[in-house]
Amino acid sequence: MWFKVLVACIPAAVIGLLLDDWIDEHFYN
């Protein structure tokens, strides 16, 4: 189950690390 959770986390983790500040600046409104 935890392996499946980790697989599901990959897309958001990658984008979150790379674009966290950019997302907050452009979409957090």
mmCIF file of all heavy atoms, coordinates in Angstrom:
data_MODEL
# 
_entry.id   MODEL 
# 
loop_
_atom_site.group_PDB 
_atom_site.id 
_atom_site.type_symbol 
_atom_site.label_atom_id 
_atom_site.label_alt_id 
_atom_site.label_comp_id 
_atom_site.label_asym_id 
_atom_site.label_entity_id 
_atom_site.label_seq_id 
_atom_site.pdbx_PDB_ins_code 
_atom_site.Cartn_x 
_atom_site.Cartn_y 
_atom_site.Cartn_z 
_atom_site.occupancy 
_atom_site.B_iso_or_equiv 
_atom_site.pdbx_formal_charge 
_atom_site.auth_seq_id 
_atom_site.auth_comp_id 
_atom_site.auth_asym_id 
_atom_site.auth_atom_id 
_atom_site.pdbx_PDB_model_num 
ATOM 1   N N   . MET A 1 1  ? 0.831  -1.202 0.000   1.00 0.00 ? 1  MET A N   1 
ATOM 2   C CA  . MET A 1 1  ? 0.000  0.000  0.000   1.00 0.00 ? 1  MET A CA  1 
ATOM 3   C C   . MET A 1 1  ? 0.868  1.256  0.000   1.00 0.00 ? 1  MET A C   1 
ATOM 4   O O   . MET A 1 1  ? 0.619  2.202  -0.746  1.00 0.00 ? 1  MET A O   1 
ATOM 5   C CB  . MET A 1 1  ? -0.932 -0.003 1.216   1.00 0.00 ? 1  MET A CB  1 
ATOM 6   C CG  . MET A 1 1  ? -1.880 1.183  1.308   1.00 0.00 ? 1  MET A CG  1 
ATOM 7   S SD  . MET A 1 1  ? -1.158 2.665  2.081   1.00 0.00 ? 1  MET A SD  1 
ATOM 8   C CE  . MET A 1 1  ? -0.933 2.098  3.772   1.00 0.00 ? 1  MET A CE  1 
ATOM 9   N N   . TRP A 1 2  ? 1.933  1.254  0.815   1.00 0.00 ? 2  TRP A N   1 
ATOM 10  C CA  . TRP A 1 2  ? 2.824  2.410  0.882   1.00 0.00 ? 2  TRP A CA  1 
ATOM 11  C C   . TRP A 1 2  ? 3.584  2.614  -0.430  1.00 0.00 ? 2  TRP A C   1 
ATOM 12  O O   . TRP A 1 2  ? 3.834  3.755  -0.833  1.00 0.00 ? 2  TRP A O   1 
ATOM 13  C CB  . TRP A 1 2  ? 3.803  2.270  2.042   1.00 0.00 ? 2  TRP A CB  1 
ATOM 14  C CG  . TRP A 1 2  ? 3.220  2.693  3.349   1.00 0.00 ? 2  TRP A CG  1 
ATOM 15  C CD1 . TRP A 1 2  ? 2.988  1.922  4.438   1.00 0.00 ? 2  TRP A CD1 1 
ATOM 16  C CD2 . TRP A 1 2  ? 2.790  4.015  3.708   1.00 0.00 ? 2  TRP A CD2 1 
ATOM 17  N NE1 . TRP A 1 2  ? 2.434  2.667  5.456   1.00 0.00 ? 2  TRP A NE1 1 
ATOM 18  C CE2 . TRP A 1 2  ? 2.309  3.945  5.029   1.00 0.00 ? 2  TRP A CE2 1 
ATOM 19  C CE3 . TRP A 1 2  ? 2.758  5.235  3.034   1.00 0.00 ? 2  TRP A CE3 1 
ATOM 20  C CZ2 . TRP A 1 2  ? 1.799  5.073  5.687   1.00 0.00 ? 2  TRP A CZ2 1 
ATOM 21  C CZ3 . TRP A 1 2  ? 2.260  6.351  3.685   1.00 0.00 ? 2  TRP A CZ3 1 
ATOM 22  C CH2 . TRP A 1 2  ? 1.789  6.262  5.002   1.00 0.00 ? 2  TRP A CH2 1 
ATOM 23  N N   . PHE A 1 3  ? 3.928  1.525  -1.104  1.00 0.00 ? 3  PHE A N   1 
ATOM 24  C CA  . PHE A 1 3  ? 4.578  1.657  -2.415  1.00 0.00 ? 3  PHE A CA  1 
ATOM 25  C C   . PHE A 1 3  ? 3.634  2.327  -3.411  1.00 0.00 ? 3  PHE A C   1 
ATOM 26  O O   . PHE A 1 3  ? 4.050  3.155  -4.234  1.00 0.00 ? 3  PHE A O   1 
ATOM 27  C CB  . PHE A 1 3  ? 5.017  0.281  -2.941  1.00 0.00 ? 3  PHE A CB  1 
ATOM 28  C CG  . PHE A 1 3  ? 6.162  -0.327 -2.164  1.00 0.00 ? 3  PHE A CG  1 
ATOM 29  C CD1 . PHE A 1 3  ? 6.231  -1.700 -1.980  1.00 0.00 ? 3  PHE A CD1 1 
ATOM 30  C CD2 . PHE A 1 3  ? 7.152  0.462  -1.621  1.00 0.00 ? 3  PHE A CD2 1 
ATOM 31  C CE1 . PHE A 1 3  ? 7.273  -2.264 -1.258  1.00 0.00 ? 3  PHE A CE1 1 
ATOM 32  C CE2 . PHE A 1 3  ? 8.203  -0.088 -0.903  1.00 0.00 ? 3  PHE A CE2 1 
ATOM 33  C CZ  . PHE A 1 3  ? 8.259  -1.458 -0.717  1.00 0.00 ? 3  PHE A CZ  1 
ATOM 34  N N   . LYS A 1 4  ? 2.354  1.969  -3.344  1.00 0.00 ? 4  LYS A N   1 
ATOM 35  C CA  . LYS A 1 4  ? 1.355  2.591  -4.222  1.00 0.00 ? 4  LYS A CA  1 
ATOM 36  C C   . LYS A 1 4  ? 1.201  4.079  -3.892  1.00 0.00 ? 4  LYS A C   1 
ATOM 37  O O   . LYS A 1 4  ? 1.050  4.914  -4.791  1.00 0.00 ? 4  LYS A O   1 
ATOM 38  C CB  . LYS A 1 4  ? 0.004  1.873  -4.080  1.00 0.00 ? 4  LYS A CB  1 
ATOM 39  C CG  . LYS A 1 4  ? 0.014  0.435  -4.578  1.00 0.00 ? 4  LYS A CG  1 
ATOM 40  C CD  . LYS A 1 4  ? -1.247 -0.308 -4.177  1.00 0.00 ? 4  LYS A CD  1 
ATOM 41  C CE  . LYS A 1 4  ? -1.161 -1.781 -4.534  1.00 0.00 ? 4  LYS A CE  1 
ATOM 42  N NZ  . LYS A 1 4  ? -2.326 -2.558 -4.049  1.00 0.00 ? 4  LYS A NZ  1 
ATOM 43  N N   . VAL A 1 5  ? 1.250  4.411  -2.605  1.00 0.00 ? 5  VAL A N   1 
ATOM 44  C CA  . VAL A 1 5  ? 1.176  5.813  -2.188  1.00 0.00 ? 5  VAL A CA  1 
ATOM 45  C C   . VAL A 1 5  ? 2.363  6.589  -2.751  1.00 0.00 ? 5  VAL A C   1 
ATOM 46  O O   . VAL A 1 5  ? 2.206  7.701  -3.268  1.00 0.00 ? 5  VAL A O   1 
ATOM 47  C CB  . VAL A 1 5  ? 1.146  5.925  -0.649  1.00 0.00 ? 5  VAL A CB  1 
ATOM 48  C CG1 . VAL A 1 5  ? 1.409  7.362  -0.200  1.00 0.00 ? 5  VAL A CG1 1 
ATOM 49  C CG2 . VAL A 1 5  ? -0.199 5.445  -0.109  1.00 0.00 ? 5  VAL A CG2 1 
ATOM 50  N N   . LEU A 1 6  ? 3.554  5.990  -2.671  1.00 0.00 ? 6  LEU A N   1 
ATOM 51  C CA  . LEU A 1 6  ? 4.752  6.654  -3.190  1.00 0.00 ? 6  LEU A CA  1 
ATOM 52  C C   . LEU A 1 6  ? 4.662  6.881  -4.699  1.00 0.00 ? 6  LEU A C   1 
ATOM 53  O O   . LEU A 1 6  ? 5.051  7.942  -5.209  1.00 0.00 ? 6  LEU A O   1 
ATOM 54  C CB  . LEU A 1 6  ? 6.005  5.829  -2.854  1.00 0.00 ? 6  LEU A CB  1 
ATOM 55  C CG  . LEU A 1 6  ? 6.388  5.787  -1.371  1.00 0.00 ? 6  LEU A CG  1 
ATOM 56  C CD1 . LEU A 1 6  ? 7.570  4.854  -1.160  1.00 0.00 ? 6  LEU A CD1 1 
ATOM 57  C CD2 . LEU A 1 6  ? 6.726  7.184  -0.857  1.00 0.00 ? 6  LEU A CD2 1 
ATOM 58  N N   . VAL A 1 7  ? 4.129  5.891  -5.414  1.00 0.00 ? 7  VAL A N   1 
ATOM 59  C CA  . VAL A 1 7  ? 3.949  6.034  -6.863  1.00 0.00 ? 7  VAL A CA  1 
ATOM 60  C C   . VAL A 1 7  ? 3.000  7.194  -7.154  1.00 0.00 ? 7  VAL A C   1 
ATOM 61  O O   . VAL A 1 7  ? 3.252  8.003  -8.057  1.00 0.00 ? 7  VAL A O   1 
ATOM 62  C CB  . VAL A 1 7  ? 3.397  4.718  -7.470  1.00 0.00 ? 7  VAL A CB  1 
ATOM 63  C CG1 . VAL A 1 7  ? 2.895  4.948  -8.890  1.00 0.00 ? 7  VAL A CG1 1 
ATOM 64  C CG2 . VAL A 1 7  ? 4.476  3.649  -7.461  1.00 0.00 ? 7  VAL A CG2 1 
ATOM 65  N N   . ALA A 1 8  ? 1.925  7.290  -6.376  1.00 0.00 ? 8  ALA A N   1 
ATOM 66  C CA  . ALA A 1 8  ? 0.945  8.361  -6.581  1.00 0.00 ? 8  ALA A CA  1 
ATOM 67  C C   . ALA A 1 8  ? 1.511  9.738  -6.220  1.00 0.00 ? 8  ALA A C   1 
ATOM 68  O O   . ALA A 1 8  ? 1.039  10.758 -6.723  1.00 0.00 ? 8  ALA A O   1 
ATOM 69  C CB  . ALA A 1 8  ? -0.310 8.085  -5.756  1.00 0.00 ? 8  ALA A CB  1 
ATOM 70  N N   . CYS A 1 9  ? 2.532  9.756  -5.366  1.00 0.00 ? 9  CYS A N   1 
ATOM 71  C CA  . CYS A 1 9  ? 3.111  11.025 -4.928  1.00 0.00 ? 9  CYS A CA  1 
ATOM 72  C C   . CYS A 1 9  ? 4.099  11.612 -5.934  1.00 0.00 ? 9  CYS A C   1 
ATOM 73  O O   . CYS A 1 9  ? 4.394  12.812 -5.882  1.00 0.00 ? 9  CYS A O   1 
ATOM 74  C CB  . CYS A 1 9  ? 3.845  10.832 -3.597  1.00 0.00 ? 9  CYS A CB  1 
ATOM 75  S SG  . CYS A 1 9  ? 2.766  10.685 -2.173  1.00 0.00 ? 9  CYS A SG  1 
ATOM 76  N N   . ILE A 1 10 ? 4.623  10.787 -6.818  1.00 0.00 ? 10 ILE A N   1 
ATOM 77  C CA  . ILE A 1 10 ? 5.714  11.227 -7.710  1.00 0.00 ? 10 ILE A CA  1 
ATOM 78  C C   . ILE A 1 10 ? 5.377  12.471 -8.518  1.00 0.00 ? 10 ILE A C   1 
ATOM 79  O O   . ILE A 1 10 ? 6.141  13.442 -8.514  1.00 0.00 ? 10 ILE A O   1 
ATOM 80  C CB  . ILE A 1 10 ? 6.158  10.066 -8.631  1.00 0.00 ? 10 ILE A CB  1 
ATOM 81  C CG1 . ILE A 1 10 ? 6.835  8.964  -7.800  1.00 0.00 ? 10 ILE A CG1 1 
ATOM 82  C CG2 . ILE A 1 10 ? 7.100  10.569 -9.721  1.00 0.00 ? 10 ILE A CG2 1 
ATOM 83  C CD1 . ILE A 1 10 ? 7.139  7.703  -8.587  1.00 0.00 ? 10 ILE A CD1 1 
ATOM 84  N N   . PRO A 1 11 ? 4.236  12.518 -9.241  1.00 0.00 ? 11 PRO A N   1 
ATOM 85  C CA  . PRO A 1 11 ? 3.966  13.708 -10.077 1.00 0.00 ? 11 PRO A CA  1 
ATOM 86  C C   . PRO A 1 11 ? 3.939  15.010 -9.284  1.00 0.00 ? 11 PRO A C   1 
ATOM 87  O O   . PRO A 1 11 ? 4.595  15.992 -9.659  1.00 0.00 ? 11 PRO A O   1 
ATOM 88  C CB  . PRO A 1 11 ? 2.596  13.396 -10.694 1.00 0.00 ? 11 PRO A CB  1 
ATOM 89  C CG  . PRO A 1 11 ? 2.497  11.904 -10.675 1.00 0.00 ? 11 PRO A CG  1 
ATOM 90  C CD  . PRO A 1 11 ? 3.182  11.489 -9.408  1.00 0.00 ? 11 PRO A CD  1 
ATOM 91  N N   . ALA A 1 12 ? 3.185  15.034 -8.174  1.00 0.00 ? 12 ALA A N   1 
ATOM 92  C CA  . ALA A 1 12 ? 3.060  16.268 -7.387  1.00 0.00 ? 12 ALA A CA  1 
ATOM 93  C C   . ALA A 1 12 ? 4.373  16.635 -6.708  1.00 0.00 ? 12 ALA A C   1 
ATOM 94  O O   . ALA A 1 12 ? 4.697  17.823 -6.570  1.00 0.00 ? 12 ALA A O   1 
ATOM 95  C CB  . ALA A 1 12 ? 1.949  16.121 -6.352  1.00 0.00 ? 12 ALA A CB  1 
ATOM 96  N N   . ALA A 1 13 ? 5.137  15.628 -6.277  1.00 0.00 ? 13 ALA A N   1 
ATOM 97  C CA  . ALA A 1 13 ? 6.409  15.895 -5.607  1.00 0.00 ? 13 ALA A CA  1 
ATOM 98  C C   . ALA A 1 13 ? 7.391  16.572 -6.553  1.00 0.00 ? 13 ALA A C   1 
ATOM 99  O O   . ALA A 1 13 ? 8.066  17.535 -6.183  1.00 0.00 ? 13 ALA A O   1 
ATOM 100 C CB  . ALA A 1 13 ? 6.994  14.598 -5.068  1.00 0.00 ? 13 ALA A CB  1 
ATOM 101 N N   . VAL A 1 14 ? 7.472  16.078 -7.777  1.00 0.00 ? 14 VAL A N   1 
ATOM 102 C CA  . VAL A 1 14 ? 8.404  16.647 -8.763  1.00 0.00 ? 14 VAL A CA  1 
ATOM 103 C C   . VAL A 1 14 ? 8.028  18.088 -9.088  1.00 0.00 ? 14 VAL A C   1 
ATOM 104 O O   . VAL A 1 14 ? 8.863  19.000 -9.042  1.00 0.00 ? 14 VAL A O   1 
ATOM 105 C CB  . VAL A 1 14 ? 8.420  15.794 -10.055 1.00 0.00 ? 14 VAL A CB  1 
ATOM 106 C CG1 . VAL A 1 14 ? 9.231  16.490 -11.133 1.00 0.00 ? 14 VAL A CG1 1 
ATOM 107 C CG2 . VAL A 1 14 ? 9.006  14.415 -9.766  1.00 0.00 ? 14 VAL A CG2 1 
ATOM 108 N N   . ILE A 1 15 ? 6.759  18.308 -9.399  1.00 0.00 ? 15 ILE A N   1 
ATOM 109 C CA  . ILE A 1 15 ? 6.298  19.653 -9.755  1.00 0.00 ? 15 ILE A CA  1 
ATOM 110 C C   . ILE A 1 15 ? 6.384  20.593 -8.553  1.00 0.00 ? 15 ILE A C   1 
ATOM 111 O O   . ILE A 1 15 ? 6.761  21.767 -8.680  1.00 0.00 ? 15 ILE A O   1 
ATOM 112 C CB  . ILE A 1 15 ? 4.852  19.610 -10.292 1.00 0.00 ? 15 ILE A CB  1 
ATOM 113 C CG1 . ILE A 1 15 ? 4.803  18.807 -11.596 1.00 0.00 ? 15 ILE A CG1 1 
ATOM 114 C CG2 . ILE A 1 15 ? 4.308  21.010 -10.500 1.00 0.00 ? 15 ILE A CG2 1 
ATOM 115 C CD1 . ILE A 1 15 ? 5.659  19.387 -12.719 1.00 0.00 ? 15 ILE A CD1 1 
ATOM 116 N N   . GLY A 1 16 ? 6.043  20.086 -7.368  1.00 0.00 ? 16 GLY A N   1 
ATOM 117 C CA  . GLY A 1 16 ? 6.087  20.912 -6.166  1.00 0.00 ? 16 GLY A CA  1 
ATOM 118 C C   . GLY A 1 16 ? 7.486  21.422 -5.864  1.00 0.00 ? 16 GLY A C   1 
ATOM 119 O O   . GLY A 1 16 ? 7.680  22.591 -5.519  1.00 0.00 ? 16 GLY A O   1 
ATOM 120 N N   . LEU A 1 17 ? 8.477  20.561 -5.999  1.00 0.00 ? 17 LEU A N   1 
ATOM 121 C CA  . LEU A 1 17 ? 9.858  20.961 -5.737  1.00 0.00 ? 17 LEU A CA  1 
ATOM 122 C C   . LEU A 1 17 ? 10.369 21.952 -6.771  1.00 0.00 ? 17 LEU A C   1 
ATOM 123 O O   . LEU A 1 17 ? 11.111 22.880 -6.453  1.00 0.00 ? 17 LEU A O   1 
ATOM 124 C CB  . LEU A 1 17 ? 10.768 19.719 -5.706  1.00 0.00 ? 17 LEU A CB  1 
ATOM 125 C CG  . LEU A 1 17 ? 10.616 18.806 -4.486  1.00 0.00 ? 17 LEU A CG  1 
ATOM 126 C CD1 . LEU A 1 17 ? 11.409 17.516 -4.685  1.00 0.00 ? 17 LEU A CD1 1 
ATOM 127 C CD2 . LEU A 1 17 ? 11.089 19.522 -3.222  1.00 0.00 ? 17 LEU A CD2 1 
ATOM 128 N N   . LEU A 1 18 ? 9.968  21.757 -8.025  1.00 0.00 ? 18 LEU A N   1 
ATOM 129 C CA  . LEU A 1 18 ? 10.480 22.596 -9.112  1.00 0.00 ? 18 LEU A CA  1 
ATOM 130 C C   . LEU A 1 18 ? 9.755  23.936 -9.237  1.00 0.00 ? 18 LEU A C   1 
ATOM 131 O O   . LEU A 1 18 ? 10.376 24.954 -9.551  1.00 0.00 ? 18 LEU A O   1 
ATOM 132 C CB  . LEU A 1 18 ? 10.380 21.838 -10.447 1.00 0.00 ? 18 LEU A CB  1 
ATOM 133 C CG  . LEU A 1 18 ? 11.246 20.590 -10.604 1.00 0.00 ? 18 LEU A CG  1 
ATOM 134 C CD1 . LEU A 1 18 ? 10.961 19.913 -11.932 1.00 0.00 ? 18 LEU A CD1 1 
ATOM 135 C CD2 . LEU A 1 18 ? 12.731 20.947 -10.504 1.00 0.00 ? 18 LEU A CD2 1 
ATOM 136 N N   . LEU A 1 19 ? 8.431  23.928 -8.977  1.00 0.00 ? 19 LEU A N   1 
ATOM 137 C CA  . LEU A 1 19 ? 7.634  25.107 -9.326  1.00 0.00 ? 19 LEU A CA  1 
ATOM 138 C C   . LEU A 1 19 ? 6.838  25.687 -8.160  1.00 0.00 ? 19 LEU A C   1 
ATOM 139 O O   . LEU A 1 19 ? 5.901  26.456 -8.379  1.00 0.00 ? 19 LEU A O   1 
ATOM 140 C CB  . LEU A 1 19 ? 6.656  24.755 -10.460 1.00 0.00 ? 19 LEU A CB  1 
ATOM 141 C CG  . LEU A 1 19 ? 7.284  24.275 -11.770 1.00 0.00 ? 19 LEU A CG  1 
ATOM 142 C CD1 . LEU A 1 19 ? 6.193  23.870 -12.748 1.00 0.00 ? 19 LEU A CD1 1 
ATOM 143 C CD2 . LEU A 1 19 ? 8.163  25.365 -12.387 1.00 0.00 ? 19 LEU A CD2 1 
ATOM 144 N N   . ASP A 1 20 ? 7.197  25.367 -6.924  1.00 0.00 ? 20 ASP A N   1 
ATOM 145 C CA  . ASP A 1 20 ? 6.414  25.799 -5.766  1.00 0.00 ? 20 ASP A CA  1 
ATOM 146 C C   . ASP A 1 20 ? 6.229  27.315 -5.730  1.00 0.00 ? 20 ASP A C   1 
ATOM 147 O O   . ASP A 1 20 ? 5.109  27.818 -5.614  1.00 0.00 ? 20 ASP A O   1 
ATOM 148 C CB  . ASP A 1 20 ? 7.084  25.319 -4.476  1.00 0.00 ? 20 ASP A CB  1 
ATOM 149 C CG  . ASP A 1 20 ? 6.287  25.700 -3.238  1.00 0.00 ? 20 ASP A CG  1 
ATOM 150 O OD1 . ASP A 1 20 ? 5.117  25.288 -3.147  1.00 0.00 ? 20 ASP A OD1 1 
ATOM 151 O OD2 . ASP A 1 20 ? 6.821  26.430 -2.387  1.00 0.00 ? 20 ASP A OD2 1 
ATOM 152 N N   . ASP A 1 21 ? 7.314  28.066 -5.825  1.00 0.00 ? 21 ASP A N   1 
ATOM 153 C CA  . ASP A 1 21 ? 7.225  29.531 -5.764  1.00 0.00 ? 21 ASP A CA  1 
ATOM 154 C C   . ASP A 1 21 ? 6.482  30.103 -6.969  1.00 0.00 ? 21 ASP A C   1 
ATOM 155 O O   . ASP A 1 21 ? 5.691  31.044 -6.839  1.00 0.00 ? 21 ASP A O   1 
ATOM 156 C CB  . ASP A 1 21 ? 8.633  30.141 -5.690  1.00 0.00 ? 21 ASP A CB  1 
ATOM 157 C CG  . ASP A 1 21 ? 9.301  29.872 -4.350  1.00 0.00 ? 21 ASP A CG  1 
ATOM 158 O OD1 . ASP A 1 21 ? 8.568  29.669 -3.363  1.00 0.00 ? 21 ASP A OD1 1 
ATOM 159 O OD2 . ASP A 1 21 ? 10.545 29.848 -4.289  1.00 0.00 ? 21 ASP A OD2 1 
ATOM 160 N N   . TRP A 1 22 ? 6.728  29.532 -8.157  1.00 0.00 ? 22 TRP A N   1 
ATOM 161 C CA  . TRP A 1 22 ? 6.082  30.017 -9.377  1.00 0.00 ? 22 TRP A CA  1 
ATOM 162 C C   . TRP A 1 22 ? 4.577  29.800 -9.314  1.00 0.00 ? 22 TRP A C   1 
ATOM 163 O O   . TRP A 1 22 ? 3.796  30.674 -9.692  1.00 0.00 ? 22 TRP A O   1 
ATOM 164 C CB  . TRP A 1 22 ? 6.671  29.294 -10.593 1.00 0.00 ? 22 TRP A CB  1 
ATOM 165 C CG  . TRP A 1 22 ? 6.175  29.824 -11.902 1.00 0.00 ? 22 TRP A CG  1 
ATOM 166 C CD1 . TRP A 1 22 ? 6.691  30.859 -12.633 1.00 0.00 ? 22 TRP A CD1 1 
ATOM 167 C CD2 . TRP A 1 22 ? 5.029  29.347 -12.648 1.00 0.00 ? 22 TRP A CD2 1 
ATOM 168 N NE1 . TRP A 1 22 ? 5.960  31.059 -13.780 1.00 0.00 ? 22 TRP A NE1 1 
ATOM 169 C CE2 . TRP A 1 22 ? 4.929  30.151 -13.819 1.00 0.00 ? 22 TRP A CE2 1 
ATOM 170 C CE3 . TRP A 1 22 ? 4.099  28.337 -12.439 1.00 0.00 ? 22 TRP A CE3 1 
ATOM 171 C CZ2 . TRP A 1 22 ? 3.929  29.956 -14.764 1.00 0.00 ? 22 TRP A CZ2 1 
ATOM 172 C CZ3 . TRP A 1 22 ? 3.100  28.155 -13.380 1.00 0.00 ? 22 TRP A CZ3 1 
ATOM 173 C CH2 . TRP A 1 22 ? 3.025  28.943 -14.533 1.00 0.00 ? 22 TRP A CH2 1 
ATOM 174 N N   . ILE A 1 23 ? 4.166  28.645 -8.802  1.00 0.00 ? 23 ILE A N   1 
ATOM 175 C CA  . ILE A 1 23 ? 2.737  28.335 -8.671  1.00 0.00 ? 23 ILE A CA  1 
ATOM 176 C C   . ILE A 1 23 ? 2.074  29.305 -7.698  1.00 0.00 ? 23 ILE A C   1 
ATOM 177 O O   . ILE A 1 23 ? 0.994  29.843 -7.967  1.00 0.00 ? 23 ILE A O   1 
ATOM 178 C CB  . ILE A 1 23 ? 2.535  26.880 -8.211  1.00 0.00 ? 23 ILE A CB  1 
ATOM 179 C CG1 . ILE A 1 23 ? 2.920  25.916 -9.349  1.00 0.00 ? 23 ILE A CG1 1 
ATOM 180 C CG2 . ILE A 1 23 ? 1.088  26.639 -7.788  1.00 0.00 ? 23 ILE A CG2 1 
ATOM 181 C CD1 . ILE A 1 23 ? 3.006  24.468 -8.910  1.00 0.00 ? 23 ILE A CD1 1 
ATOM 182 N N   . ASP A 1 24 ? 2.722  29.544 -6.542  1.00 0.00 ? 24 ASP A N   1 
ATOM 183 C CA  . ASP A 1 24 ? 2.171  30.480 -5.553  1.00 0.00 ? 24 ASP A CA  1 
ATOM 184 C C   . ASP A 1 24 ? 2.013  31.875 -6.150  1.00 0.00 ? 24 ASP A C   1 
ATOM 185 O O   . ASP A 1 24 ? 1.017  32.567 -5.914  1.00 0.00 ? 24 ASP A O   1 
ATOM 186 C CB  . ASP A 1 24 ? 3.079  30.549 -4.326  1.00 0.00 ? 24 ASP A CB  1 
ATOM 187 C CG  . ASP A 1 24 ? 2.904  29.339 -3.413  1.00 0.00 ? 24 ASP A CG  1 
ATOM 188 O OD1 . ASP A 1 24 ? 1.944  28.574 -3.628  1.00 0.00 ? 24 ASP A OD1 1 
ATOM 189 O OD2 . ASP A 1 24 ? 3.725  29.164 -2.502  1.00 0.00 ? 24 ASP A OD2 1 
ATOM 190 N N   . GLU A 1 25 ? 2.999  32.303 -6.948  1.00 0.00 ? 25 GLU A N   1 
ATOM 191 C CA  . GLU A 1 25 ? 2.995  33.647 -7.520  1.00 0.00 ? 25 GLU A CA  1 
ATOM 192 C C   . GLU A 1 25 ? 1.902  33.829 -8.565  1.00 0.00 ? 25 GLU A C   1 
ATOM 193 O O   . GLU A 1 25 ? 1.260  34.877 -8.635  1.00 0.00 ? 25 GLU A O   1 
ATOM 194 C CB  . GLU A 1 25 ? 4.359  33.939 -8.146  1.00 0.00 ? 25 GLU A CB  1 
ATOM 195 C CG  . GLU A 1 25 ? 4.474  35.329 -8.762  1.00 0.00 ? 25 GLU A CG  1 
ATOM 196 C CD  . GLU A 1 25 ? 5.821  35.571 -9.415  1.00 0.00 ? 25 GLU A CD  1 
ATOM 197 O OE1 . GLU A 1 25 ? 6.745  34.740 -9.228  1.00 0.00 ? 25 GLU A OE1 1 
ATOM 198 O OE2 . GLU A 1 25 ? 5.956  36.593 -10.125 1.00 0.00 ? 25 GLU A OE2 1 
ATOM 199 N N   . HIS A 1 26 ? 1.669  32.807 -9.379  1.00 0.00 ? 26 HIS A N   1 
ATOM 200 C CA  . HIS A 1 26 ? 0.760  32.960 -10.523 1.00 0.00 ? 26 HIS A CA  1 
ATOM 201 C C   . HIS A 1 26 ? -0.664 32.448 -10.270 1.00 0.00 ? 26 HIS A C   1 
ATOM 202 O O   . HIS A 1 26 ? -1.613 32.927 -10.905 1.00 0.00 ? 26 HIS A O   1 
ATOM 203 C CB  . HIS A 1 26 ? 1.339  32.234 -11.744 1.00 0.00 ? 26 HIS A CB  1 
ATOM 204 C CG  . HIS A 1 26 ? 2.548  32.903 -12.320 1.00 0.00 ? 26 HIS A CG  1 
ATOM 205 N ND1 . HIS A 1 26 ? 3.813  32.707 -11.811 1.00 0.00 ? 26 HIS A ND1 1 
ATOM 206 C CD2 . HIS A 1 26 ? 2.682  33.783 -13.337 1.00 0.00 ? 26 HIS A CD2 1 
ATOM 207 C CE1 . HIS A 1 26 ? 4.680  33.423 -12.522 1.00 0.00 ? 26 HIS A CE1 1 
ATOM 208 N NE2 . HIS A 1 26 ? 4.020  34.091 -13.435 1.00 0.00 ? 26 HIS A NE2 1 
ATOM 209 N N   . PHE A 1 27 ? -0.826 31.464 -9.396  1.00 0.00 ? 27 PHE A N   1 
ATOM 210 C CA  . PHE A 1 27 ? -2.141 30.846 -9.248  1.00 0.00 ? 27 PHE A CA  1 
ATOM 211 C C   . PHE A 1 27 ? -2.768 30.999 -7.866  1.00 0.00 ? 27 PHE A C   1 
ATOM 212 O O   . PHE A 1 27 ? -3.941 30.708 -7.699  1.00 0.00 ? 27 PHE A O   1 
ATOM 213 C CB  . PHE A 1 27 ? -2.064 29.350 -9.583  1.00 0.00 ? 27 PHE A CB  1 
ATOM 214 C CG  . PHE A 1 27 ? -1.708 29.078 -11.017 1.00 0.00 ? 27 PHE A CG  1 
ATOM 215 C CD1 . PHE A 1 27 ? -0.609 28.308 -11.341 1.00 0.00 ? 27 PHE A CD1 1 
ATOM 216 C CD2 . PHE A 1 27 ? -2.467 29.591 -12.056 1.00 0.00 ? 27 PHE A CD2 1 
ATOM 217 C CE1 . PHE A 1 27 ? -0.268 28.054 -12.657 1.00 0.00 ? 27 PHE A CE1 1 
ATOM 218 C CE2 . PHE A 1 27 ? -2.151 29.356 -13.375 1.00 0.00 ? 27 PHE A CE2 1 
ATOM 219 C CZ  . PHE A 1 27 ? -1.044 28.581 -13.680 1.00 0.00 ? 27 PHE A CZ  1 
ATOM 220 N N   . TYR A 1 28 ? -1.972 31.442 -6.870  1.00 0.00 ? 28 TYR A N   1 
ATOM 221 C CA  . TYR A 1 28 ? -2.532 31.568 -5.522  1.00 0.00 ? 28 TYR A CA  1 
ATOM 222 C C   . TYR A 1 28 ? -3.222 32.928 -5.394  1.00 0.00 ? 28 TYR A C   1 
ATOM 223 O O   . TYR A 1 28 ? -2.695 33.869 -4.822  1.00 0.00 ? 28 TYR A O   1 
ATOM 224 C CB  . TYR A 1 28 ? -1.443 31.419 -4.455  1.00 0.00 ? 28 TYR A CB  1 
ATOM 225 C CG  . TYR A 1 28 ? -1.984 31.129 -3.072  1.00 0.00 ? 28 TYR A CG  1 
ATOM 226 C CD1 . TYR A 1 28 ? -2.179 29.819 -2.642  1.00 0.00 ? 28 TYR A CD1 1 
ATOM 227 C CD2 . TYR A 1 28 ? -2.323 32.158 -2.199  1.00 0.00 ? 28 TYR A CD2 1 
ATOM 228 C CE1 . TYR A 1 28 ? -2.686 29.552 -1.380  1.00 0.00 ? 28 TYR A CE1 1 
ATOM 229 C CE2 . TYR A 1 28 ? -2.829 31.903 -0.941  1.00 0.00 ? 28 TYR A CE2 1 
ATOM 230 C CZ  . TYR A 1 28 ? -2.998 30.587 -0.537  1.00 0.00 ? 28 TYR A CZ  1 
ATOM 231 O OH  . TYR A 1 28 ? -3.508 30.325 0.712   1.00 0.00 ? 28 TYR A OH  1 
ATOM 232 N N   . ASN A 1 29 ? -4.400 33.014 -5.988  1.00 0.00 ? 29 ASN A N   1 
ATOM 233 C CA  . ASN A 1 29 ? -5.187 34.241 -5.925  1.00 0.00 ? 29 ASN A CA  1 
ATOM 234 C C   . ASN A 1 29 ? -6.670 33.871 -5.968  1.00 0.00 ? 29 ASN A C   1 
ATOM 235 O O   . ASN A 1 29 ? -7.036 32.768 -6.389  1.00 0.00 ? 29 ASN A O   1 
ATOM 236 C CB  . ASN A 1 29 ? -4.817 35.182 -7.077  1.00 0.00 ? 29 ASN A CB  1 
ATOM 237 C CG  . ASN A 1 29 ? -5.044 34.561 -8.439  1.00 0.00 ? 29 ASN A CG  1 
ATOM 238 O OD1 . ASN A 1 29 ? -6.180 34.354 -8.856  1.00 0.00 ? 29 ASN A OD1 1 
ATOM 239 N ND2 . ASN A 1 29 ? -3.957 34.246 -9.145  1.00 0.00 ? 29 ASN A ND2 1 
# 
